[in-house]
Amino acid sequence: MADIYTLIKKDHDHHRKLLDTIEDTTGASEDRKAAWDDFYHDVKSHAAAEEETFYSKLISKTWGQDAARHSVHEHQQLDDLMEELNDMDMSQGAWLTKFKTLRHDYEHHIEEEEDEVFTRAREVIPESEIKGYGERFTSRKADERKLIDEKREDSLED
């Protein structure tokens, strides 16, 4: 099992590709819808798993409290933007404008996380304590994805 840093980075790389696909497509095309659906659900499950397994550990360290709170706050802001996008017509120009805001904010967030948060986390969380976090992250992400899928199925039935 890969370490949590590698797993988070792998997700970020996948999200970057999806952002490219979304921006490179037009209107409410099937390719854009599929990429958005994948991005939306993967980012939601990723963020929940990250907060529970990685940021919860950083919060327990004095330095990590501010960084973790900042990142969790950014997760909430990104989640709000994604929900707004879900409620908008993808074929309208306003959707793409808001999407570009989301993309900018998300790319800023993941760059900050990979560059600053990971570096500091490696300084304050000993390798012996971080072992197993990759497995917990993967498991928590899968559990969260199931919850998101169940919620989506319930809303489709209504």
Protein backbone atom coordinates (compact mmCIF):
# COMPACT_ATOMS: atom_id res chain seq x y z
CA MET A 1 0.00 0.00 0.00
CA ALA A 2 1.27 3.43 -0.96
CA ASP A 3 1.73 6.08 1.71
CA ILE A 4 -0.92 8.73 2.23
CA TYR A 5 1.12 11.45 0.53
CA THR A 6 1.40 9.39 -2.66
CA LEU A 7 -2.30 8.51 -2.59
CA ILE A 8 -3.43 12.09 -2.11
CA LYS A 9 -1.09 13.27 -4.89
CA LYS A 10 -2.43 10.52 -7.19
CA ASP A 11 -5.98 11.76 -6.58
CA HIS A 12 -4.89 15.34 -7.24
CA ASP A 13 -3.32 14.30 -10.56
CA HIS A 14 -6.56 12.53 -11.52
CA HIS A 15 -8.54 15.65 -10.58
CA ARG A 16 -6.23 17.85 -12.69
CA LYS A 17 -6.93 15.64 -15.73
CA LEU A 18 -10.66 15.83 -15.11
CA LEU A 19 -10.48 19.62 -14.83
CA ASP A 20 -8.71 19.69 -18.20
CA THR A 21 -11.38 17.47 -19.75
CA ILE A 22 -14.18 19.60 -18.35
CA GLU A 23 -12.63 22.81 -19.63
CA ASP A 24 -11.78 21.29 -23.03
CA THR A 25 -15.37 20.18 -23.66
CA THR A 26 -18.34 22.36 -24.49
CA GLY A 27 -21.87 22.87 -23.27
CA ALA A 28 -23.65 19.95 -21.68
CA SER A 29 -21.84 17.32 -23.76
CA GLU A 30 -21.75 13.74 -22.52
CA ASP A 31 -17.96 13.97 -22.08
CA ARG A 32 -18.28 17.07 -19.90
CA LYS A 33 -21.11 15.55 -17.86
CA ALA A 34 -19.14 12.35 -17.28
CA ALA A 35 -15.96 14.21 -16.31
CA TRP A 36 -17.90 16.53 -13.99
CA ASP A 37 -19.70 13.62 -12.35
CA ASP A 38 -16.38 11.83 -11.75
CA PHE A 39 -14.71 15.00 -10.47
CA TYR A 40 -17.60 15.95 -8.18
CA HIS A 41 -17.93 12.55 -6.53
CA ASP A 42 -14.23 11.81 -6.31
CA VAL A 43 -13.36 15.19 -4.79
CA LYS A 44 -16.13 14.85 -2.20
CA SER A 45 -14.98 11.39 -1.10
CA HIS A 46 -11.32 12.44 -1.28
CA ALA A 47 -11.91 15.49 0.94
CA ALA A 48 -13.84 13.52 3.55
CA ALA A 49 -11.14 10.84 3.71
CA GLU A 50 -8.38 13.43 3.80
CA GLU A 51 -10.00 15.32 6.67
CA GLU A 52 -10.60 12.22 8.74
CA THR A 53 -7.29 10.46 8.23
CA PHE A 54 -4.71 13.15 7.43
CA TYR A 55 -5.95 16.45 8.80
CA SER A 56 -7.16 14.88 12.02
CA LYS A 57 -3.54 13.88 12.65
CA LEU A 58 -2.25 17.36 11.82
CA ILE A 59 -4.76 18.95 14.19
CA SER A 60 -3.23 16.91 17.00
CA LYS A 61 0.10 18.68 16.40
CA THR A 62 0.52 22.32 17.41
CA TRP A 63 1.77 23.46 14.01
CA GLY A 64 -0.79 21.44 12.14
CA GLN A 65 -3.85 23.02 13.70
CA ASP A 66 -3.78 26.18 11.59
CA ALA A 67 -2.84 24.33 8.38
CA ALA A 68 -5.52 21.70 8.87
CA ARG A 69 -8.19 24.25 9.71
CA HIS A 70 -7.22 26.32 6.69
CA SER A 71 -7.41 23.30 4.38
CA VAL A 72 -10.73 22.14 5.83
CA HIS A 73 -12.09 25.66 5.34
CA GLU A 74 -10.96 25.55 1.71
CA HIS A 75 -12.66 22.16 1.33
CA GLN A 76 -15.92 23.77 2.47
CA GLN A 77 -15.55 26.68 0.05
CA LEU A 78 -14.84 24.26 -2.82
CA ASP A 79 -17.78 22.11 -1.82
CA ASP A 80 -20.04 25.18 -1.90
CA LEU A 81 -18.82 26.03 -5.42
CA MET A 82 -19.38 22.46 -6.59
CA GLU A 83 -22.93 22.50 -5.22
CA GLU A 84 -23.61 25.79 -7.00
CA LEU A 85 -22.31 24.27 -10.24
CA ASN A 86 -24.56 21.23 -9.76
CA ASP A 87 -27.57 23.54 -9.58
CA MET A 88 -26.62 25.46 -12.74
CA ASP A 89 -27.22 24.68 -16.40
CA MET A 90 -23.93 23.30 -17.71
CA SER A 91 -24.65 24.61 -21.22
CA GLN A 92 -24.72 28.24 -20.05
CA GLY A 93 -21.72 30.55 -20.07
CA ALA A 94 -22.26 31.33 -16.39
CA TRP A 95 -21.54 27.67 -15.58
CA LEU A 96 -18.16 27.82 -17.30
CA THR A 97 -17.32 31.10 -15.56
CA LYS A 98 -18.07 29.60 -12.14
CA PHE A 99 -16.23 26.41 -13.13
CA LYS A 100 -13.11 28.45 -13.90
CA THR A 101 -13.33 29.95 -10.40
CA LEU A 102 -13.60 26.46 -8.94
CA ARG A 103 -10.66 25.26 -11.02
CA HIS A 104 -8.47 28.16 -9.93
CA ASP A 105 -9.36 27.71 -6.27
CA TYR A 106 -8.96 23.93 -6.37
CA GLU A 107 -5.60 24.06 -8.13
CA HIS A 108 -4.41 26.62 -5.59
CA HIS A 109 -5.59 24.35 -2.77
CA ILE A 110 -3.88 21.21 -4.04
CA GLU A 111 -0.64 23.02 -4.87
CA GLU A 112 -0.55 24.51 -1.39
CA GLU A 113 -1.28 21.12 0.10
CA GLU A 114 1.39 19.30 -1.90
CA ASP A 115 4.05 21.97 -1.44
CA GLU A 116 3.49 23.36 2.03
CA VAL A 117 1.27 21.03 4.01
CA PHE A 118 3.02 17.81 2.98
CA THR A 119 6.44 19.30 3.72
CA ARG A 120 5.42 20.47 7.16
CA ALA A 121 3.49 17.27 7.91
CA ARG A 122 6.60 15.22 7.17
CA GLU A 123 8.46 17.39 9.69
CA VAL A 124 5.95 17.01 12.51
CA ILE A 125 4.48 13.54 11.97
CA PRO A 126 7.08 10.81 12.36
CA GLU A 127 7.12 8.13 9.67
CA SER A 128 6.33 5.56 12.35
CA GLU A 129 3.08 7.39 13.14
CA ILE A 130 2.02 7.90 9.52
CA LYS A 131 2.33 4.22 8.56
CA GLY A 132 -1.07 2.79 7.80
CA TYR A 133 -2.57 6.15 6.93
CA GLY A 134 -2.59 5.29 3.23
CA GLU A 135 -4.70 2.23 3.89
CA ARG A 136 -7.06 4.16 6.18
CA PHE A 137 -7.34 6.94 3.59
CA THR A 138 -8.23 4.47 0.84
CA SER A 139 -10.76 2.66 3.02
CA ARG A 140 -12.38 5.88 4.23
CA LYS A 141 -12.57 7.24 0.69
CA ALA A 142 -14.32 4.07 -0.51
CA ASP A 143 -16.78 4.25 2.39
CA GLU A 144 -17.52 7.91 1.67
CA ARG A 145 -18.01 7.16 -2.03
CA LYS A 146 -20.62 4.52 -1.12
CA LEU A 147 -22.46 7.05 1.04
CA ILE A 148 -22.39 9.64 -1.75
CA ASP A 149 -23.65 7.09 -4.28
CA GLU A 150 -26.45 5.99 -1.94
CA LYS A 151 -27.48 9.61 -1.41
CA ARG A 152 -27.49 10.17 -5.17
CA GLU A 153 -29.61 7.06 -5.74
CA ASP A 154 -32.07 8.20 -3.06
CA SER A 155 -32.41 11.62 -4.68
CA LEU A 156 -33.03 10.03 -8.08
CA GLU A 157 -35.84 7.94 -6.59
CA ASP A 158 -37.63 11.03 -5.20
